Amino acid sequence: MNKYHQILNKIITKGKNQQNKKGSITYLLNQTLELKPIDMLELFEGHAVARKKLKDELGLFMAGERSTEAYRDIGVS
């Protein structure tokens, strides 16, 4: 099981419920999820996502790129 699914499992099993006007949520305090590029590839491995586009998009995101035009240039809409 990858890191993402481990955190989701913790939220489901140990999380606290909260009701507000928008609905009900389950949350955990003091938990962080740190994903490296290899973890992201592992996450999307089973999906029909083009790896090159994913790698390029992740590279732009990690570089702090905020321009949507830069994403369009690599083929991400």
Protein backbone atom coordinates (compact mmCIF):
# COMPACT_ATOMS: atom_id res chain seq x y z
CA MET A 1 0.00 0.00 0.00
CA ASN A 2 1.43 3.39 -0.92
CA LYS A 3 1.74 6.47 1.33
CA TYR A 4 -1.43 8.10 0.02
CA HIS A 5 -3.56 5.05 0.75
CA GLN A 6 -1.97 4.64 4.19
CA ILE A 7 -3.01 8.19 5.15
CA LEU A 8 -6.52 7.64 3.76
CA ASN A 9 -6.79 4.44 5.78
CA LYS A 10 -5.71 6.31 8.94
CA ILE A 11 -8.33 9.00 8.31
CA ILE A 12 -11.06 6.41 7.89
CA THR A 13 -10.09 4.30 10.90
CA LYS A 14 -8.83 6.88 13.42
CA GLY A 15 -10.32 10.15 12.15
CA LYS A 16 -12.69 12.39 14.07
CA ASN A 17 -16.01 13.47 12.57
CA GLN A 18 -17.07 17.09 12.30
CA GLN A 19 -20.43 18.50 11.26
CA ASN A 20 -20.77 21.98 9.79
CA LYS A 21 -23.18 23.78 7.49
CA LYS A 22 -21.45 22.33 4.43
CA GLY A 23 -21.79 18.73 5.61
CA SER A 24 -19.84 16.10 7.47
CA ILE A 25 -16.08 15.56 7.25
CA THR A 26 -13.60 13.17 8.81
CA TYR A 27 -10.20 14.58 9.70
CA LEU A 28 -6.91 13.87 11.47
CA LEU A 29 -4.69 16.38 13.22
CA ASN A 30 -0.89 16.54 13.02
CA GLN A 31 -0.57 14.30 9.98
CA THR A 32 1.51 15.16 6.94
CA LEU A 33 1.82 13.51 3.58
CA GLU A 34 5.09 13.98 1.74
CA LEU A 35 5.11 12.62 -1.77
CA LYS A 36 8.16 12.43 -3.98
CA PRO A 37 7.91 12.18 -7.77
CA ILE A 38 8.38 8.40 -7.59
CA ASP A 39 5.47 8.18 -5.13
CA MET A 40 3.26 10.12 -7.54
CA LEU A 41 4.18 7.77 -10.39
CA GLU A 42 3.29 4.83 -8.14
CA LEU A 43 -0.07 6.44 -7.42
CA PHE A 44 -0.96 6.93 -11.07
CA GLU A 45 0.60 3.71 -12.35
CA GLY A 46 -2.74 1.96 -12.64
CA HIS A 47 -4.43 4.84 -14.46
CA ALA A 48 -4.43 5.69 -18.14
CA VAL A 49 -2.37 8.85 -17.68
CA ALA A 50 0.40 9.56 -20.13
CA ARG A 51 3.59 9.28 -18.07
CA LYS A 52 5.47 11.95 -19.99
CA LYS A 53 2.68 14.48 -19.46
CA LEU A 54 2.47 13.54 -15.79
CA LYS A 55 6.24 13.91 -15.39
CA ASP A 56 6.23 17.28 -17.17
CA GLU A 57 3.25 18.56 -15.19
CA LEU A 58 4.78 17.43 -11.91
CA GLY A 59 8.05 19.13 -12.86
CA LEU A 60 6.26 22.43 -13.51
CA PHE A 61 4.30 22.13 -10.27
CA MET A 62 7.41 21.40 -8.21
CA ALA A 63 9.18 24.35 -9.85
CA GLY A 64 6.35 26.57 -8.62
CA GLU A 65 4.98 27.40 -12.04
CA ARG A 66 1.63 29.18 -11.72
CA SER A 67 1.07 30.19 -15.35
CA THR A 68 -1.62 28.09 -17.01
CA GLU A 69 -0.02 28.86 -20.35
CA ALA A 70 3.11 26.91 -19.37
CA TYR A 71 0.93 23.89 -18.63
CA ARG A 72 -0.88 24.25 -21.95
CA ASP A 73 2.50 24.33 -23.74
CA ILE A 74 3.26 20.81 -22.50
CA GLY A 75 -0.22 19.57 -23.46
CA VAL A 76 -1.95 19.66 -20.09
CA SER A 77 -5.38 21.28 -20.22
